[in-house]
Amino acid sequence: MSDMKKKIADHVGSRPEKGFKATLFESSRILLGVNCLDAGQAQSVHSHSGQDKFYLVHEGSGRFTVGEESFVGTPGDVVFAPADVPHGVVNTGGARLVLLIGIAPAPPAK
């Protein structure tokens, strides 16, 4: 498969101790990845200094927190967390929650 095209399903996984993450594409300007949360798992509320983030719900459902707001996201929903605004998500469904995420600009290389 081309380095310019990837299938989300090829990058889905599970980790019992915490959520699963896979990077699809990364440059100095943007990071695109897949985050997977099994039933009951959460990405704790956090923020990104100077970085915007979006979540596209691909599979499952979850309760998102962005700033003072809290709402359920289901497949096809896009959730936006502006830079410096606290955000997080909890898988409230019975199946795996699969999210396409984007962060811009990309986090510094580790």
N, C-alpha and C. Protein backbone atom coordinates (compact mmCIF):
# COMPACT_ATOMS: atom_id res chain seq x y z
N MET A 1 0.85 -1.18 0.00
CA MET A 1 0.00 0.00 0.00
C MET A 1 0.89 1.24 0.00
N SER A 2 0.46 2.24 -0.65
CA SER A 2 1.18 3.51 -0.75
C SER A 2 1.41 4.12 0.63
N ASP A 3 2.48 4.89 0.75
CA ASP A 3 2.72 5.63 1.99
C ASP A 3 1.76 6.81 2.11
N MET A 4 1.03 7.12 1.05
CA MET A 4 0.10 8.25 1.05
C MET A 4 -1.34 7.82 1.33
N LYS A 5 -1.58 6.52 1.49
CA LYS A 5 -2.93 6.01 1.73
C LYS A 5 -2.85 4.89 2.76
N LYS A 6 -3.70 4.97 3.77
CA LYS A 6 -3.73 3.93 4.80
C LYS A 6 -5.18 3.66 5.19
N LYS A 7 -5.44 2.44 5.64
CA LYS A 7 -6.76 2.06 6.13
C LYS A 7 -6.77 2.11 7.65
N ILE A 8 -7.77 2.77 8.20
CA ILE A 8 -7.88 2.86 9.64
C ILE A 8 -7.91 1.46 10.26
N ALA A 9 -8.64 0.54 9.65
CA ALA A 9 -8.79 -0.82 10.21
C ALA A 9 -7.45 -1.53 10.37
N ASP A 10 -6.45 -1.16 9.58
CA ASP A 10 -5.14 -1.79 9.69
C ASP A 10 -4.34 -1.27 10.88
N HIS A 11 -4.86 -0.25 11.56
CA HIS A 11 -4.13 0.39 12.66
C HIS A 11 -4.93 0.40 13.95
N VAL A 12 -5.90 -0.49 14.05
CA VAL A 12 -6.74 -0.62 15.25
C VAL A 12 -6.13 -1.68 16.15
N GLY A 13 -6.14 -1.41 17.46
CA GLY A 13 -5.59 -2.38 18.39
C GLY A 13 -6.14 -2.18 19.78
N SER A 14 -5.59 -2.94 20.71
CA SER A 14 -6.07 -2.92 22.09
C SER A 14 -4.89 -3.09 23.02
N ARG A 15 -4.94 -2.40 24.14
CA ARG A 15 -3.98 -2.57 25.23
C ARG A 15 -4.77 -2.59 26.51
N PRO A 16 -4.71 -3.67 27.28
CA PRO A 16 -5.54 -3.77 28.48
C PRO A 16 -5.25 -2.70 29.52
N GLU A 17 -4.00 -2.26 29.64
CA GLU A 17 -3.65 -1.31 30.69
C GLU A 17 -4.03 0.13 30.37
N LYS A 18 -4.12 0.46 29.07
CA LYS A 18 -4.55 1.80 28.66
C LYS A 18 -4.86 1.79 27.17
N GLY A 19 -5.35 2.88 26.66
CA GLY A 19 -5.73 2.94 25.26
C GLY A 19 -4.59 2.66 24.30
N PHE A 20 -4.95 2.29 23.10
CA PHE A 20 -4.00 1.96 22.02
C PHE A 20 -3.89 3.16 21.09
N LYS A 21 -2.67 3.47 20.65
CA LYS A 21 -2.44 4.57 19.73
C LYS A 21 -1.54 4.11 18.59
N ALA A 22 -1.85 4.57 17.39
CA ALA A 22 -1.01 4.31 16.22
C ALA A 22 -0.95 5.58 15.39
N THR A 23 0.24 5.93 14.92
CA THR A 23 0.42 7.10 14.06
C THR A 23 0.25 6.67 12.62
N LEU A 24 -0.59 7.40 11.89
CA LEU A 24 -0.79 7.14 10.47
C LEU A 24 0.17 7.98 9.62
N PHE A 25 0.17 9.27 9.87
CA PHE A 25 1.00 10.22 9.12
C PHE A 25 1.51 11.27 10.09
N GLU A 26 2.73 11.76 9.84
CA GLU A 26 3.28 12.79 10.70
C GLU A 26 4.25 13.66 9.92
N SER A 27 4.09 14.96 10.09
CA SER A 27 5.03 15.94 9.56
C SER A 27 5.23 16.99 10.65
N SER A 28 5.99 18.02 10.37
CA SER A 28 6.16 19.08 11.36
C SER A 28 4.88 19.91 11.51
N ARG A 29 3.95 19.76 10.57
CA ARG A 29 2.73 20.57 10.57
C ARG A 29 1.51 19.86 11.15
N ILE A 30 1.47 18.51 11.07
CA ILE A 30 0.28 17.78 11.52
C ILE A 30 0.65 16.34 11.88
N LEU A 31 -0.08 15.80 12.84
CA LEU A 31 -0.01 14.38 13.17
C LEU A 31 -1.41 13.82 13.02
N LEU A 32 -1.53 12.73 12.26
CA LEU A 32 -2.80 12.00 12.13
C LEU A 32 -2.60 10.61 12.70
N GLY A 33 -3.52 10.19 13.53
CA GLY A 33 -3.38 8.88 14.15
C GLY A 33 -4.71 8.24 14.46
N VAL A 34 -4.63 7.05 15.02
CA VAL A 34 -5.79 6.29 15.47
C VAL A 34 -5.63 6.06 16.96
N ASN A 35 -6.66 6.40 17.72
CA ASN A 35 -6.72 6.09 19.15
C ASN A 35 -7.86 5.11 19.36
N CYS A 36 -7.61 4.05 20.12
CA CYS A 36 -8.62 3.04 20.41
C CYS A 36 -8.77 2.88 21.91
N LEU A 37 -10.00 2.92 22.37
CA LEU A 37 -10.30 2.71 23.79
C LEU A 37 -11.28 1.55 23.91
N ASP A 38 -10.91 0.55 24.68
CA ASP A 38 -11.83 -0.55 24.95
C ASP A 38 -12.91 -0.05 25.91
N ALA A 39 -13.98 -0.82 26.06
CA ALA A 39 -15.10 -0.43 26.94
C ALA A 39 -14.57 -0.04 28.32
N GLY A 40 -14.98 1.14 28.78
CA GLY A 40 -14.58 1.62 30.09
C GLY A 40 -13.26 2.37 30.14
N GLN A 41 -12.44 2.26 29.11
CA GLN A 41 -11.15 2.97 29.10
C GLN A 41 -11.37 4.45 28.81
N ALA A 42 -10.40 5.26 29.23
CA ALA A 42 -10.52 6.71 29.07
C ALA A 42 -9.19 7.32 28.66
N GLN A 43 -9.30 8.42 27.96
CA GLN A 43 -8.16 9.31 27.75
C GLN A 43 -8.45 10.48 28.69
N SER A 44 -7.65 10.60 29.74
CA SER A 44 -7.94 11.61 30.76
C SER A 44 -7.89 13.02 30.18
N VAL A 45 -8.58 13.90 30.85
CA VAL A 45 -8.65 15.29 30.41
C VAL A 45 -7.24 15.88 30.46
N HIS A 46 -6.85 16.50 29.35
CA HIS A 46 -5.53 17.10 29.20
C HIS A 46 -5.65 18.23 28.18
N SER A 47 -4.59 18.95 27.94
CA SER A 47 -4.61 19.99 26.91
C SER A 47 -3.29 19.98 26.16
N HIS A 48 -3.29 20.62 25.00
CA HIS A 48 -2.11 20.73 24.16
C HIS A 48 -1.80 22.22 24.00
N SER A 49 -0.67 22.63 24.50
CA SER A 49 -0.27 24.03 24.41
C SER A 49 0.04 24.40 22.96
N GLY A 50 -0.76 25.31 22.41
CA GLY A 50 -0.51 25.80 21.05
C GLY A 50 -0.87 24.82 19.95
N GLN A 51 -1.61 23.75 20.28
CA GLN A 51 -1.96 22.74 19.28
C GLN A 51 -3.46 22.48 19.29
N ASP A 52 -4.09 22.57 18.12
CA ASP A 52 -5.48 22.18 17.96
C ASP A 52 -5.56 20.67 17.78
N LYS A 53 -6.69 20.09 18.18
CA LYS A 53 -6.89 18.64 18.03
C LYS A 53 -8.31 18.37 17.58
N PHE A 54 -8.47 17.35 16.74
CA PHE A 54 -9.81 16.88 16.42
C PHE A 54 -9.88 15.38 16.61
N TYR A 55 -11.08 14.91 16.90
CA TYR A 55 -11.40 13.48 16.96
C TYR A 55 -12.52 13.23 15.95
N LEU A 56 -12.36 12.25 15.10
CA LEU A 56 -13.44 11.76 14.25
C LEU A 56 -13.81 10.39 14.78
N VAL A 57 -15.06 10.22 15.22
CA VAL A 57 -15.51 8.93 15.75
C VAL A 57 -15.72 8.00 14.56
N HIS A 58 -14.92 6.94 14.49
CA HIS A 58 -14.99 5.96 13.40
C HIS A 58 -15.89 4.79 13.79
N GLU A 59 -15.72 4.29 15.04
CA GLU A 59 -16.52 3.18 15.55
C GLU A 59 -16.79 3.41 17.03
N GLY A 60 -17.92 2.92 17.51
CA GLY A 60 -18.24 2.97 18.93
C GLY A 60 -18.83 4.31 19.35
N SER A 61 -18.85 4.52 20.66
CA SER A 61 -19.37 5.77 21.20
C SER A 61 -18.60 6.12 22.46
N GLY A 62 -18.57 7.41 22.74
CA GLY A 62 -17.86 7.86 23.93
C GLY A 62 -18.37 9.20 24.41
N ARG A 63 -18.08 9.49 25.67
CA ARG A 63 -18.42 10.79 26.24
C ARG A 63 -17.18 11.67 26.19
N PHE A 64 -17.31 12.77 25.47
CA PHE A 64 -16.22 13.72 25.29
C PHE A 64 -16.40 14.89 26.23
N THR A 65 -15.29 15.39 26.71
CA THR A 65 -15.25 16.63 27.47
C THR A 65 -14.35 17.59 26.70
N VAL A 66 -14.85 18.79 26.43
CA VAL A 66 -14.05 19.84 25.81
C VAL A 66 -14.37 21.12 26.58
N GLY A 67 -13.39 21.60 27.33
CA GLY A 67 -13.63 22.75 28.19
C GLY A 67 -14.72 22.42 29.19
N GLU A 68 -15.76 23.23 29.24
CA GLU A 68 -16.87 23.03 30.18
C GLU A 68 -17.98 22.15 29.60
N GLU A 69 -17.86 21.76 28.33
CA GLU A 69 -18.90 20.97 27.68
C GLU A 69 -18.62 19.48 27.78
N SER A 70 -19.69 18.68 27.82
CA SER A 70 -19.61 17.23 27.82
C SER A 70 -20.74 16.70 26.95
N PHE A 71 -20.42 15.77 26.06
CA PHE A 71 -21.43 15.25 25.13
C PHE A 71 -20.98 13.90 24.61
N VAL A 72 -21.95 13.14 24.07
CA VAL A 72 -21.68 11.83 23.49
C VAL A 72 -21.35 11.99 22.01
N GLY A 73 -20.34 11.27 21.58
CA GLY A 73 -19.98 11.23 20.16
C GLY A 73 -20.19 9.83 19.62
N THR A 74 -20.75 9.73 18.43
CA THR A 74 -21.01 8.46 17.76
C THR A 74 -20.42 8.50 16.35
N PRO A 75 -20.39 7.36 15.63
CA PRO A 75 -19.75 7.33 14.33
C PRO A 75 -20.21 8.46 13.40
N GLY A 76 -19.21 9.12 12.82
CA GLY A 76 -19.44 10.24 11.92
C GLY A 76 -19.32 11.59 12.59
N ASP A 77 -19.33 11.62 13.94
CA ASP A 77 -19.19 12.89 14.64
C ASP A 77 -17.72 13.32 14.66
N VAL A 78 -17.51 14.63 14.55
CA VAL A 78 -16.18 15.22 14.66
C VAL A 78 -16.20 16.15 15.87
N VAL A 79 -15.22 15.99 16.74
CA VAL A 79 -15.10 16.79 17.95
C VAL A 79 -13.83 17.61 17.84
N PHE A 80 -13.92 18.91 18.12
CA PHE A 80 -12.78 19.82 18.00
C PHE A 80 -12.39 20.34 19.37
N ALA A 81 -11.10 20.28 19.68
CA ALA A 81 -10.55 20.84 20.92
C ALA A 81 -9.50 21.88 20.54
N PRO A 82 -9.83 23.16 20.66
CA PRO A 82 -8.86 24.20 20.33
C PRO A 82 -7.63 24.13 21.24
N ALA A 83 -6.56 24.71 20.79
CA ALA A 83 -5.31 24.76 21.57
C ALA A 83 -5.60 25.27 22.98
N ASP A 84 -4.94 24.64 23.94
CA ASP A 84 -4.97 25.04 25.35
C ASP A 84 -6.29 24.79 26.06
N VAL A 85 -7.27 24.17 25.40
CA VAL A 85 -8.56 23.86 26.03
C VAL A 85 -8.51 22.40 26.51
N PRO A 86 -8.78 22.15 27.80
CA PRO A 86 -8.77 20.79 28.32
C PRO A 86 -9.81 19.92 27.60
N HIS A 87 -9.41 18.67 27.30
CA HIS A 87 -10.30 17.75 26.59
C HIS A 87 -9.93 16.31 26.95
N GLY A 88 -10.90 15.41 26.78
CA GLY A 88 -10.68 13.99 27.04
C GLY A 88 -11.90 13.21 26.58
N VAL A 89 -11.81 11.89 26.68
CA VAL A 89 -12.92 11.04 26.23
C VAL A 89 -12.92 9.75 27.04
N VAL A 90 -14.13 9.25 27.29
CA VAL A 90 -14.33 7.97 27.98
C VAL A 90 -15.18 7.09 27.07
N ASN A 91 -14.77 5.85 26.87
CA ASN A 91 -15.59 4.91 26.10
C ASN A 91 -16.75 4.47 26.98
N THR A 92 -17.94 4.93 26.64
CA THR A 92 -19.13 4.62 27.42
C THR A 92 -19.95 3.49 26.80
N GLY A 93 -19.50 2.98 25.66
CA GLY A 93 -20.23 1.91 24.99
C GLY A 93 -19.70 0.54 25.38
N GLY A 94 -20.29 -0.48 24.81
CA GLY A 94 -19.87 -1.85 25.09
C GLY A 94 -18.84 -2.38 24.12
N ALA A 95 -18.54 -1.62 23.06
CA ALA A 95 -17.58 -2.04 22.04
C ALA A 95 -16.40 -1.07 22.02
N ARG A 96 -15.36 -1.44 21.32
CA ARG A 96 -14.19 -0.59 21.19
C ARG A 96 -14.57 0.75 20.54
N LEU A 97 -14.00 1.83 21.05
CA LEU A 97 -14.15 3.16 20.49
C LEU A 97 -12.91 3.42 19.63
N VAL A 98 -13.12 3.68 18.35
CA VAL A 98 -12.01 3.93 17.41
C VAL A 98 -12.14 5.36 16.93
N LEU A 99 -11.07 6.12 17.12
CA LEU A 99 -11.04 7.54 16.79
C LEU A 99 -9.90 7.85 15.83
N LEU A 100 -10.20 8.58 14.77
CA LEU A 100 -9.16 9.18 13.95
C LEU A 100 -8.87 10.52 14.61
N ILE A 101 -7.60 10.79 14.92
CA ILE A 101 -7.26 12.04 15.58
C ILE A 101 -6.28 12.83 14.73
N GLY A 102 -6.34 14.14 14.87
CA GLY A 102 -5.38 15.02 14.23
C GLY A 102 -4.94 16.08 15.22
N ILE A 103 -3.64 16.37 15.23
CA ILE A 103 -3.07 17.42 16.06
C ILE A 103 -2.22 18.31 15.18
N ALA A 104 -2.46 19.63 15.27
CA ALA A 104 -1.69 20.57 14.46
C ALA A 104 -1.35 21.81 15.29
N PRO A 105 -0.12 22.29 15.22
CA PRO A 105 1.00 21.61 14.59
C PRO A 105 1.33 20.32 15.34
N ALA A 106 2.07 19.46 14.70
CA ALA A 106 2.42 18.16 15.28
C ALA A 106 3.24 18.33 16.55
N PRO A 107 3.10 17.39 17.50
CA PRO A 107 3.95 17.44 18.70
C PRO A 107 5.42 17.30 18.30
N PRO A 108 6.30 17.86 19.10
CA PRO A 108 7.74 17.71 18.80
C PRO A 108 8.13 16.24 18.78
N ALA A 109 9.07 15.91 17.92
CA ALA A 109 9.55 14.51 17.84
C ALA A 109 10.17 14.11 19.16
N LYS A 110 9.95 12.86 19.54
CA LYS A 110 10.49 12.34 20.82
C LYS A 110 11.87 11.75 20.61
